[in-house]
Amino acid sequence: MADEVDQYLLRVEQAEQEIDQLKKEIELLQDPDKLQASGVVSPAVEKLQSENAKLTYQLNHLKRFLKEEQTKQRTGAVSTQCMLEDVFRITITAAFPDLENPPVLVTPSSKMADFQCNSAMSLAQLIGTKTGKKVNPREVAQTIVDNLPGADFYEKVEVAGPGFINVYLSKQFVTQEVQMILTQGVRPPTIMQKKRVVVDFSSPNIAKEMHVGHLRSTIIGESICRLLEWVGHDVLRINHLGDWGTQFGMLIAHLQDKFPNYLNEPPPISDLQAFYKESKARFDEDEAFKKRAYECVVKLQSYEPSHYKGWQMIYNISMKEFQKVYDRLQVHLIDRGESFYQERMKQVMKELEERGVLEKDEEGRTVMFVPGFQVPLMMVKSDGGYTYDTSDIATIKQRLQEEKGDWLIYVVDSGQATHLNTIYGAAKMLGWLDPSKHRVEHVGFGVVLGEDKLGSFPPVMLHRNVLTGDILSPSVTFFRTQTLRSAGSPLEPGVVAK
């Protein structure tokens, strides 16, 4: 009996020792410094403690950085419309995840609100097409509003009419922006990523005078370039001259007849426009001359020396006159006409042949169909000559692949919209243009009409030199006069001239 009691007491004593040890271990676990000093920390626990210390340091560093950023004064301007577009894009994508590339249409409002989002109507049509059910645009608009995140730059958002979303800016935000402009002046916005931008503008035709359409393209294009450079982009100005094709076969054939010794003596062509009209009249009226002109085109495109030299003479005469206009406007372009792409056109045609995307039509022309467009691109004429389509396909490939263009802008009249869209579609089809990486835009500005298409409109400056005619000089004088008048300066002719 006594032995059993002793064993029981021993077990109780051992249990009490174990309890005391557990209490000590718990105390150690509650104090990391004692735990590490005791030497009983496992490697896993030690690793976690080390990572925790690093994260704590990074968190404190991030807090300090955010505090410093909040105290800094912003130096760049912000685009309220772009911020709203971003907010609505995120909201619409989250609210309607089944729609691919949903439209985001945000515009300044001319009525009660500051801005308006007009996406609901287009979204309702897309949803209806996808589901086969009619959708109320106002309900779509309300869904967007209900999912909009809070932001400090707008204070109220509401649905109006059939589905318009009115946005009212915060008064505090507007006050801050106005105050910044007053104290710091107009500043460029901060761009997230510097882009390589290729801008195609001006683009007059060799052997013709620059008319008002080319002048409009030049001024709009240069304005775009200066704005993009101002905000920090890398801009390449391209003058896509009309310096290749049928008209040069016509001009060279006329040059051979009128100045047969042109290879040894430079022809005294003082009026290239009149020379062009003479050759065009022969081309339209004389079938034998027209045939020779087409033959000259083929020889020129093969770089036959005498034909190429004749082309260079005509090119240089034209460029000398164009440069006077560019100097007056302080515009500096890289001249890269259709002739620049001649060898690239051959390479592109070889690639397209190998890829099996070319077809022959009933007239013997080589064409390429582009998805979404009924009219194909004509790549090679029946006589073997290349076309504007061939040149433009080679051009867009060069700008995307050789120039590494992230953003291509074509400042061309609106009449070229369908053609340019077909070129963009072909570049996508061929895998050169990736919409997720590249941005391509057509900046249209009306339609450039020839004298034969003007109808009741007067032929304003179509065949008169813009430098010496009635556009540049009077325009410069007008703006100088307005500037002096607004500044309260005298308007004597000598003052205006200066």
Protein backbone atom coordinates (compact mmCIF):
# COMPACT_ATOMS: atom_id res chain seq x y z
CA MET A 1 0.00 0.00 0.00
CA ALA A 2 2.84 2.41 0.96
CA ASP A 3 4.60 1.69 -2.37
CA GLU A 4 1.51 2.62 -4.36
CA VAL A 5 1.18 5.92 -2.46
CA ASP A 6 4.82 6.77 -3.14
CA GLN A 7 4.38 6.07 -6.89
CA TYR A 8 1.27 8.23 -6.96
CA LEU A 9 3.09 11.14 -5.23
CA LEU A 10 5.98 10.81 -7.72
CA ARG A 11 3.62 11.03 -10.67
CA VAL A 12 1.94 14.09 -9.13
CA GLU A 13 5.33 15.73 -8.67
CA GLN A 14 6.30 14.98 -12.31
CA ALA A 15 3.01 16.40 -13.53
CA GLU A 16 3.60 19.60 -11.54
CA GLN A 17 7.10 19.90 -13.07
CA GLU A 18 5.67 19.46 -16.55
CA ILE A 19 3.06 22.16 -15.82
CA ASP A 20 5.78 24.53 -14.61
CA GLN A 21 7.80 23.83 -17.81
CA LEU A 22 4.78 24.48 -20.01
CA LYS A 23 4.15 27.78 -18.17
CA LYS A 24 7.72 28.84 -18.83
CA GLU A 25 7.46 27.91 -22.54
CA ILE A 26 4.22 29.87 -22.85
CA GLU A 27 5.89 32.87 -21.24
CA LEU A 28 8.79 32.52 -23.69
CA LEU A 29 6.40 32.33 -26.68
CA GLN A 30 4.77 35.54 -25.47
CA ASP A 31 8.13 37.33 -25.37
CA PRO A 32 10.07 36.87 -28.71
CA ASP A 33 13.28 38.34 -27.27
CA LYS A 34 13.41 35.83 -24.38
CA LEU A 35 12.45 33.05 -26.80
CA GLN A 36 15.37 33.88 -29.11
CA ALA A 37 17.79 34.26 -26.15
CA SER A 38 16.80 30.86 -24.79
CA GLY A 39 17.99 29.16 -27.98
CA VAL A 40 14.88 27.05 -28.34
CA VAL A 41 13.51 28.87 -31.44
CA SER A 42 12.95 26.61 -34.40
CA PRO A 43 14.42 27.62 -37.85
CA ALA A 44 10.90 28.03 -39.27
CA VAL A 45 9.90 30.42 -36.49
CA GLU A 46 13.15 32.34 -36.89
CA LYS A 47 12.53 32.70 -40.66
CA LEU A 48 9.01 33.98 -40.06
CA GLN A 49 10.33 36.49 -37.52
CA SER A 50 12.91 37.72 -40.05
CA GLU A 51 10.31 38.13 -42.81
CA ASN A 52 7.99 39.90 -40.39
CA ALA A 53 10.75 42.39 -39.55
CA LYS A 54 11.35 43.08 -43.27
CA LEU A 55 7.63 43.59 -43.93
CA THR A 56 7.36 45.92 -40.96
CA TYR A 57 10.26 47.98 -42.32
CA GLN A 58 8.73 48.13 -45.82
CA LEU A 59 5.34 49.11 -44.41
CA ASN A 60 6.86 51.94 -42.40
CA HIS A 61 8.82 53.07 -45.48
CA LEU A 62 5.63 53.05 -47.59
CA LYS A 63 3.78 55.06 -44.95
CA ARG A 64 6.57 57.67 -44.93
CA PHE A 65 6.54 57.80 -48.77
CA LEU A 66 2.76 58.29 -48.88
CA LYS A 67 2.97 61.01 -46.26
CA GLU A 68 5.66 62.81 -48.29
CA GLU A 69 3.64 62.47 -51.51
CA GLN A 70 0.57 63.94 -49.85
CA THR A 71 2.54 66.99 -48.78
CA LYS A 72 4.08 67.49 -52.24
CA GLN A 73 2.53 70.00 -54.64
CA ARG A 74 1.46 68.49 -57.95
CA THR A 75 3.35 69.96 -60.90
CA GLY A 76 1.45 68.48 -63.84
CA ALA A 77 -2.05 69.22 -65.08
CA VAL A 78 -4.78 66.60 -64.97
CA SER A 79 -7.40 65.77 -67.57
CA THR A 80 -10.74 65.58 -65.81
CA GLN A 81 -12.30 63.91 -68.85
CA CYS A 82 -9.59 61.23 -68.92
CA MET A 83 -10.04 60.58 -65.18
CA LEU A 84 -13.78 60.18 -65.69
CA GLU A 85 -13.22 57.89 -68.67
CA ASP A 86 -10.97 55.69 -66.51
CA VAL A 87 -13.55 55.56 -63.69
CA PHE A 88 -16.42 54.72 -66.05
CA ARG A 89 -14.32 52.18 -67.97
CA ILE A 90 -13.49 50.28 -64.76
CA THR A 91 -17.11 50.48 -63.56
CA ILE A 92 -18.68 49.39 -66.87
CA THR A 93 -16.22 46.50 -67.27
CA ALA A 94 -16.98 45.29 -63.73
CA ALA A 95 -20.75 45.74 -64.09
CA PHE A 96 -20.96 44.04 -67.50
CA PRO A 97 -18.08 41.52 -67.58
CA ASP A 98 -19.55 39.59 -70.53
CA LEU A 99 -19.14 42.54 -72.94
CA GLU A 100 -15.86 42.74 -74.84
CA ASN A 101 -14.42 46.27 -75.18
CA PRO A 102 -17.58 48.09 -74.03
CA PRO A 103 -17.88 51.70 -75.29
CA VAL A 104 -16.96 54.48 -72.86
CA LEU A 105 -18.37 57.81 -74.09
CA VAL A 106 -17.64 60.75 -71.78
CA THR A 107 -18.06 64.31 -73.05
CA PRO A 108 -18.25 67.79 -71.51
CA SER A 109 -21.88 68.69 -70.90
CA SER A 110 -23.35 71.85 -72.41
CA LYS A 111 -26.35 71.81 -70.05
CA MET A 112 -26.70 71.53 -66.28
CA ALA A 113 -23.90 69.06 -65.45
CA ASP A 114 -20.15 69.38 -65.97
CA PHE A 115 -19.70 66.09 -67.85
CA GLN A 116 -21.95 63.42 -69.30
CA CYS A 117 -21.45 59.70 -69.89
CA ASN A 118 -23.49 58.51 -72.88
CA SER A 119 -22.52 54.84 -72.88
CA ALA A 120 -25.82 53.39 -71.65
CA MET A 121 -27.62 53.45 -75.01
CA SER A 122 -24.80 51.65 -76.84
CA LEU A 123 -24.42 49.16 -73.97
CA ALA A 124 -28.15 48.41 -74.00
CA GLN A 125 -27.94 47.54 -77.72
CA LEU A 126 -24.91 45.29 -77.14
CA ILE A 127 -26.58 43.51 -74.22
CA GLY A 128 -29.80 43.09 -76.22
CA THR A 129 -27.90 41.62 -79.17
CA LYS A 130 -26.01 39.24 -76.87
CA THR A 131 -29.00 38.08 -74.78
CA GLY A 132 -31.82 38.43 -77.32
CA LYS A 133 -33.80 40.51 -74.81
CA LYS A 134 -34.69 44.18 -74.97
CA VAL A 135 -32.85 46.21 -72.34
CA ASN A 136 -33.85 49.63 -71.03
CA PRO A 137 -30.89 52.05 -71.39
CA ARG A 138 -32.00 53.91 -68.26
CA GLU A 139 -31.68 50.71 -66.21
CA VAL A 140 -28.20 50.19 -67.66
CA ALA A 141 -27.30 53.76 -66.69
CA GLN A 142 -28.59 53.23 -63.15
CA THR A 143 -26.53 50.03 -62.83
CA ILE A 144 -23.42 52.01 -63.80
CA VAL A 145 -24.19 54.77 -61.28
CA ASP A 146 -24.85 52.22 -58.50
CA ASN A 147 -21.44 50.66 -59.09
CA LEU A 148 -19.40 53.85 -59.41
CA PRO A 149 -16.65 54.14 -56.77
CA GLY A 150 -16.38 57.23 -54.63
CA ALA A 151 -13.92 59.89 -55.82
CA ASP A 152 -12.94 63.29 -54.49
CA PHE A 153 -13.18 65.09 -57.85
CA TYR A 154 -16.93 64.64 -58.39
CA GLU A 155 -19.69 65.21 -55.86
CA LYS A 156 -22.85 64.03 -57.59
CA VAL A 157 -23.74 61.56 -60.36
CA GLU A 158 -27.31 61.06 -61.57
CA VAL A 159 -29.27 59.47 -64.41
CA ALA A 160 -31.20 61.80 -66.70
CA GLY A 161 -33.51 61.33 -69.68
CA PRO A 162 -33.40 58.02 -71.53
CA GLY A 163 -30.06 56.99 -70.03
CA PHE A 164 -27.65 59.92 -69.87
CA ILE A 165 -25.39 60.02 -66.81
CA ASN A 166 -24.71 63.54 -65.55
CA VAL A 167 -21.55 64.16 -63.55
CA TYR A 168 -21.10 67.19 -61.29
CA LEU A 169 -17.55 68.06 -60.28
CA SER A 170 -16.58 68.78 -56.71
CA LYS A 171 -16.33 72.51 -56.01
CA GLN A 172 -13.21 71.91 -53.94
CA PHE A 173 -11.57 70.07 -56.86
CA VAL A 174 -12.43 72.83 -59.34
CA THR A 175 -11.11 75.46 -56.93
CA GLN A 176 -7.82 73.58 -56.53
CA GLU A 177 -7.37 73.22 -60.31
CA VAL A 178 -8.10 76.89 -60.99
CA GLN A 179 -5.76 77.93 -58.19
CA MET A 180 -3.00 75.76 -59.65
CA ILE A 181 -3.39 77.33 -63.11
CA LEU A 182 -3.32 80.83 -61.59
CA THR A 183 -0.21 80.16 -59.51
CA GLN A 184 1.78 77.82 -61.78
CA GLY A 185 0.41 78.53 -65.25
CA VAL A 186 -0.75 75.92 -67.73
CA ARG A 187 1.33 72.78 -67.24
CA PRO A 188 1.46 69.60 -69.33
CA PRO A 189 -0.26 66.58 -67.82
CA THR A 190 1.88 63.77 -66.44
CA ILE A 191 1.96 60.88 -68.93
CA MET A 192 2.09 57.34 -67.62
CA GLN A 193 4.30 56.07 -70.46
CA LYS A 194 6.33 57.88 -73.11
CA LYS A 195 5.16 56.83 -76.58
CA ARG A 196 6.87 56.78 -79.97
CA VAL A 197 4.36 58.73 -82.07
CA VAL A 198 4.52 58.79 -85.88
CA VAL A 199 2.47 61.65 -87.36
CA ASP A 200 1.73 61.65 -91.10
CA PHE A 201 0.74 65.11 -92.32
CA SER A 202 1.06 67.75 -95.06
CA SER A 203 1.85 65.25 -97.87
CA PRO A 204 1.60 67.41 -101.01
CA ASN A 205 2.06 65.95 -104.48
CA ILE A 206 5.27 66.48 -106.40
CA ALA A 207 4.82 68.50 -109.61
CA LYS A 208 1.70 70.17 -108.20
CA GLU A 209 1.45 73.30 -106.12
CA MET A 210 0.58 72.99 -102.46
CA HIS A 211 -3.08 73.96 -102.05
CA VAL A 212 -5.28 74.80 -99.09
CA GLY A 213 -5.98 71.13 -98.27
CA HIS A 214 -2.29 70.43 -97.78
CA LEU A 215 -1.96 73.65 -95.79
CA ARG A 216 -4.74 72.54 -93.43
CA SER A 217 -3.10 69.15 -92.93
CA THR A 218 0.25 70.87 -92.28
CA ILE A 219 -1.09 73.23 -89.63
CA ILE A 220 -3.26 70.63 -87.86
CA GLY A 221 -0.48 68.03 -87.96
CA GLU A 222 2.20 70.40 -86.66
CA SER A 223 -0.14 71.53 -83.86
CA ILE A 224 -0.70 67.89 -82.82
CA CYS A 225 3.07 67.25 -82.88
CA ARG A 226 3.84 70.25 -80.71
CA LEU A 227 1.20 69.26 -78.16
CA LEU A 228 2.45 65.67 -77.99
CA GLU A 229 6.05 66.83 -77.59
CA TRP A 230 4.95 69.28 -74.89
CA VAL A 231 3.49 66.49 -72.77
CA GLY A 232 6.64 64.37 -73.23
CA HIS A 233 6.15 61.98 -76.15
CA ASP A 234 8.77 61.14 -78.80
CA VAL A 235 7.32 62.49 -82.05
CA LEU A 236 8.35 61.68 -85.63
CA ARG A 237 6.95 64.06 -88.28
CA ILE A 238 6.53 62.32 -91.64
CA ASN A 239 5.80 64.06 -94.95
CA HIS A 240 4.25 61.26 -97.04
CA LEU A 241 4.82 62.95 -100.40
CA GLY A 242 2.99 61.89 -103.53
CA ASP A 243 6.22 61.35 -105.48
CA TRP A 244 5.62 58.02 -107.24
CA GLY A 245 3.12 56.47 -109.58
CA THR A 246 1.37 57.05 -112.91
CA GLN A 247 1.67 60.84 -112.96
CA PHE A 248 5.46 60.56 -113.01
CA GLY A 249 5.43 58.33 -116.04
CA MET A 250 3.32 61.02 -117.67
CA LEU A 251 5.70 63.80 -116.58
CA ILE A 252 8.85 61.94 -117.63
CA ALA A 253 7.40 61.12 -121.07
CA HIS A 254 6.51 64.80 -121.53
CA LEU A 255 10.00 65.79 -120.31
CA GLN A 256 11.60 63.51 -122.89
CA ASP A 257 9.59 65.14 -125.69
CA LYS A 258 9.90 68.77 -124.61
CA PHE A 259 13.51 68.67 -123.37
CA PRO A 260 15.17 65.72 -125.16
CA ASN A 261 18.61 66.78 -123.86
CA TYR A 262 17.48 66.89 -120.20
CA LEU A 263 20.13 64.36 -119.16
CA ASN A 264 22.91 66.81 -120.11
CA GLU A 265 21.21 70.18 -119.65
CA PRO A 266 18.83 70.87 -116.74
CA PRO A 267 15.45 71.82 -118.26
CA PRO A 268 14.37 75.43 -117.63
CA ILE A 269 11.02 74.56 -116.06
CA SER A 270 9.90 77.75 -114.32
CA ASP A 271 6.23 76.78 -113.93
CA LEU A 272 5.93 73.14 -112.92
CA GLN A 273 2.16 73.41 -112.54
CA ALA A 274 1.80 74.46 -116.19
CA PHE A 275 4.19 71.64 -117.18
CA TYR A 276 2.00 69.18 -115.28
CA LYS A 277 -1.17 70.45 -117.00
CA GLU A 278 0.45 70.06 -120.43
CA SER A 279 1.42 66.45 -119.71
CA LYS A 280 -2.01 65.67 -118.24
CA ALA A 281 -3.78 67.02 -121.34
CA ARG A 282 -1.63 64.79 -123.57
CA PHE A 283 -2.25 61.80 -121.29
CA ASP A 284 -6.02 62.28 -121.54
CA GLU A 285 -6.13 62.89 -125.29
CA ASP A 286 -3.27 60.86 -126.84
CA GLU A 287 -3.48 57.07 -126.47
CA ALA A 288 0.10 56.56 -127.75
CA PHE A 289 1.39 59.05 -125.18
CA LYS A 290 -0.62 57.34 -122.44
CA LYS A 291 0.94 53.99 -123.36
CA ARG A 292 4.43 55.53 -123.20
CA ALA A 293 3.59 57.09 -119.82
CA TYR A 294 2.68 53.68 -118.38
CA GLU A 295 5.92 52.23 -119.76
CA CYS A 296 7.83 55.08 -118.13
CA VAL A 297 6.22 54.25 -114.78
CA VAL A 298 7.44 50.65 -114.96
CA LYS A 299 10.95 51.80 -115.92
CA LEU A 300 10.99 54.36 -113.10
CA GLN A 301 9.95 51.73 -110.57
CA SER A 302 12.83 49.59 -111.87
CA TYR A 303 15.19 52.56 -111.29
CA GLU A 304 16.23 52.83 -114.95
CA PRO A 305 18.92 55.60 -114.78
CA SER A 306 17.53 58.10 -117.32
CA HIS A 307 13.98 57.86 -116.00
CA TYR A 308 15.16 58.10 -112.39
CA LYS A 309 17.22 61.22 -113.18
CA GLY A 310 14.20 62.86 -114.82
CA TRP A 311 12.16 62.04 -111.71
CA GLN A 312 14.84 63.60 -109.46
CA MET A 313 14.78 66.84 -111.48
CA ILE A 314 11.02 67.20 -111.12
CA TYR A 315 11.20 66.24 -107.42
CA ASN A 316 13.86 68.86 -106.62
CA ILE A 317 11.95 71.67 -108.36
CA SER A 318 8.81 70.88 -106.32
CA MET A 319 10.57 70.48 -102.99
CA LYS A 320 12.29 73.85 -103.38
CA GLU A 321 8.86 75.52 -103.54
CA PHE A 322 7.36 73.42 -100.74
CA GLN A 323 10.25 74.28 -98.45
CA LYS A 324 9.44 77.99 -98.71
CA VAL A 325 6.03 77.28 -97.15
CA TYR A 326 7.50 75.04 -94.44
CA ASP A 327 10.11 77.67 -93.57
CA ARG A 328 7.41 80.31 -93.29
CA LEU A 329 5.38 78.08 -90.95
CA GLN A 330 8.48 76.90 -89.02
CA VAL A 331 7.58 73.31 -89.76
CA HIS A 332 10.32 70.67 -89.98
CA LEU A 333 9.32 67.36 -91.57
CA ILE A 334 11.12 64.21 -92.61
CA ASP A 335 10.39 63.83 -96.34
CA ARG A 336 9.45 60.23 -96.90
CA GLY A 337 7.35 59.89 -100.03
CA GLU A 338 5.97 56.84 -101.76
CA SER A 339 9.32 56.35 -103.53
CA PHE A 340 10.90 55.59 -100.14
CA TYR A 341 8.79 52.43 -99.94
CA GLN A 342 9.49 51.06 -103.43
CA GLU A 343 11.83 48.27 -102.28
CA ARG A 344 9.69 47.67 -99.20
CA MET A 345 6.68 47.19 -101.48
CA LYS A 346 8.51 44.37 -103.23
CA GLN A 347 9.33 42.75 -99.89
CA VAL A 348 5.74 43.12 -98.68
CA MET A 349 4.36 41.57 -101.87
CA LYS A 350 6.70 38.61 -101.45
CA GLU A 351 5.51 38.17 -97.85
CA LEU A 352 1.84 38.38 -98.82
CA GLU A 353 2.35 35.84 -101.59
CA GLU A 354 4.02 33.42 -99.20
CA ARG A 355 1.19 33.85 -96.71
CA GLY A 356 -1.41 33.10 -99.38
CA VAL A 357 -3.57 36.19 -98.85
CA LEU A 358 -3.46 37.46 -102.47
CA GLU A 359 -5.98 36.72 -105.22
CA LYS A 360 -6.34 37.51 -108.93
CA ASP A 361 -9.52 39.26 -110.02
CA GLU A 362 -11.26 38.90 -113.39
CA GLU A 363 -9.25 41.80 -114.85
CA GLY A 364 -5.89 40.28 -113.95
CA ARG A 365 -5.21 42.53 -110.95
CA THR A 366 -3.76 41.21 -107.71
CA VAL A 367 -6.02 42.02 -104.77
CA MET A 368 -6.20 41.33 -101.04
CA PHE A 369 -9.49 41.03 -99.17
CA VAL A 370 -9.67 42.37 -95.62
CA PRO A 371 -12.25 41.03 -93.11
CA GLY A 372 -15.08 43.50 -92.60
CA PHE A 373 -14.55 45.37 -95.88
CA GLN A 374 -16.34 44.61 -99.13
CA VAL A 375 -13.88 46.33 -101.48
CA PRO A 376 -10.46 44.62 -101.57
CA LEU A 377 -7.12 46.38 -101.63
CA MET A 378 -5.64 46.45 -105.14
CA MET A 379 -2.01 45.49 -104.63
CA VAL A 380 -0.78 45.14 -108.23
CA LYS A 381 -2.37 46.52 -111.40
CA SER A 382 -2.83 44.33 -114.47
CA ASP A 383 0.24 45.97 -116.06
CA GLY A 384 2.41 44.97 -113.08
CA GLY A 385 2.58 48.41 -111.45
CA TYR A 386 2.08 49.01 -107.75
CA THR A 387 -0.74 51.17 -106.36
CA TYR A 388 -1.48 53.52 -103.47
CA ASP A 389 -2.76 50.47 -101.58
CA THR A 390 0.59 48.72 -101.98
CA SER A 391 2.42 51.81 -100.81
CA ASP A 392 0.17 52.32 -97.77
CA ILE A 393 0.48 48.67 -96.71
CA ALA A 394 4.29 48.89 -96.91
CA THR A 395 4.13 52.23 -95.08
CA ILE A 396 2.18 51.01 -92.06
CA LYS A 397 4.44 47.98 -91.71
CA GLN A 398 7.56 50.20 -91.81
CA ARG A 399 6.16 52.55 -89.18
CA LEU A 400 5.17 49.74 -86.82
CA GLN A 401 8.22 47.51 -87.22
CA GLU A 402 11.15 49.72 -88.28
CA GLU A 403 10.16 52.96 -86.56
CA LYS A 404 8.79 51.04 -83.56
CA GLY A 405 5.76 53.33 -83.56
CA ASP A 406 3.43 52.91 -80.58
CA TRP A 407 0.98 55.49 -81.86
CA LEU A 408 0.32 56.27 -85.54
CA ILE A 409 -1.62 59.40 -86.52
CA TYR A 410 -2.74 60.13 -90.07
CA VAL A 411 -3.76 63.78 -90.62
CA VAL A 412 -5.61 63.29 -93.90
CA ASP A 413 -8.92 64.59 -95.24
CA SER A 414 -12.07 62.71 -94.23
CA GLY A 415 -12.57 61.34 -97.72
CA GLN A 416 -9.77 58.86 -97.02
CA ALA A 417 -11.47 57.36 -93.94
CA THR A 418 -12.66 54.10 -95.55
CA HIS A 419 -9.34 53.54 -97.29
CA LEU A 420 -7.36 54.09 -94.09
CA ASN A 421 -9.65 51.83 -92.06
CA THR A 422 -9.06 49.10 -94.65
CA ILE A 423 -5.30 49.57 -94.30
CA TYR A 424 -5.58 49.34 -90.48
CA GLY A 425 -7.73 46.21 -90.84
CA ALA A 426 -5.16 44.62 -93.15
CA ALA A 427 -2.35 45.37 -90.68
CA LYS A 428 -4.36 43.67 -87.91
CA MET A 429 -5.15 40.69 -90.14
CA LEU A 430 -1.45 40.29 -90.95
CA GLY A 431 -0.46 40.48 -87.28
CA TRP A 432 1.58 43.70 -87.59
CA LEU A 433 -0.88 45.87 -85.69
CA ASP A 434 -1.73 44.73 -82.18
CA PRO A 435 -4.58 46.84 -80.70
CA SER A 436 -3.38 45.99 -77.18
CA LYS A 437 0.02 47.57 -77.93
CA HIS A 438 -0.56 50.03 -80.76
CA ARG A 439 -2.82 53.03 -81.23
CA VAL A 440 -3.76 54.12 -84.77
CA GLU A 441 -5.91 57.16 -85.49
CA HIS A 442 -7.17 59.12 -88.46
CA VAL A 443 -7.49 62.87 -87.83
CA GLY A 444 -9.88 63.98 -90.56
CA PHE A 445 -10.54 67.62 -91.45
CA GLY A 446 -13.21 67.73 -94.14
CA VAL A 447 -12.78 66.76 -97.77
CA VAL A 448 -10.17 68.13 -100.19
CA LEU A 449 -12.01 68.79 -103.47
CA GLY A 450 -10.54 69.22 -106.91
CA GLU A 451 -11.75 71.96 -109.21
CA ASP A 452 -13.92 69.42 -111.05
CA LYS A 453 -15.78 68.48 -107.83
CA LEU A 454 -16.37 71.90 -106.32
CA GLY A 455 -19.88 72.34 -107.70
CA SER A 456 -21.13 75.77 -106.69
CA PHE A 457 -18.12 76.44 -104.43
CA PRO A 458 -15.49 78.89 -105.71
CA PRO A 459 -12.09 77.37 -106.59
CA VAL A 460 -10.38 78.98 -103.61
CA MET A 461 -6.64 78.65 -103.96
CA LEU A 462 -6.69 75.24 -105.61
CA HIS A 463 -4.17 76.21 -108.26
CA ARG A 464 -2.38 79.15 -106.68
CA ASN A 465 0.73 79.01 -104.60
CA VAL A 466 -0.17 79.24 -100.92
CA LEU A 467 3.01 81.16 -100.13
CA THR A 468 2.49 84.07 -102.55
CA GLY A 469 -1.29 83.76 -102.99
CA ASP A 470 -4.20 84.77 -100.81
CA ILE A 471 -3.74 82.50 -97.78
CA LEU A 472 -0.52 82.74 -95.78
CA SER A 473 0.41 86.38 -96.19
CA PRO A 474 -3.08 87.83 -95.50
CA SER A 475 -3.55 85.36 -92.61
CA VAL A 476 -0.30 86.42 -90.97
CA THR A 477 -1.21 90.10 -91.39
CA PHE A 478 -4.69 89.51 -89.93
CA PHE A 479 -3.42 87.77 -86.81
CA ARG A 480 -0.71 90.35 -86.27
CA THR A 481 -3.36 93.08 -86.51
CA GLN A 482 -5.62 91.32 -84.02
CA THR A 483 -2.73 90.78 -81.62
CA LEU A 484 -1.71 94.45 -81.77
CA ARG A 485 -5.31 95.60 -81.36
CA SER A 486 -5.81 93.44 -78.27
CA ALA A 487 -2.56 94.82 -76.83
CA GLY A 488 -3.63 98.41 -77.50
CA SER A 489 -0.74 99.07 -79.93
CA PRO A 490 -0.90 101.44 -82.93
CA LEU A 491 -2.03 99.87 -86.20
CA GLU A 492 0.11 101.76 -88.69
CA PRO A 493 1.12 99.61 -91.69
CA GLY A 494 4.79 99.68 -90.67
CA VAL A 495 3.99 98.44 -87.16
CA VAL A 496 1.79 95.62 -88.49
CA ALA A 497 4.47 94.55 -90.98
CA LYS A 498 7.02 94.21 -88.18
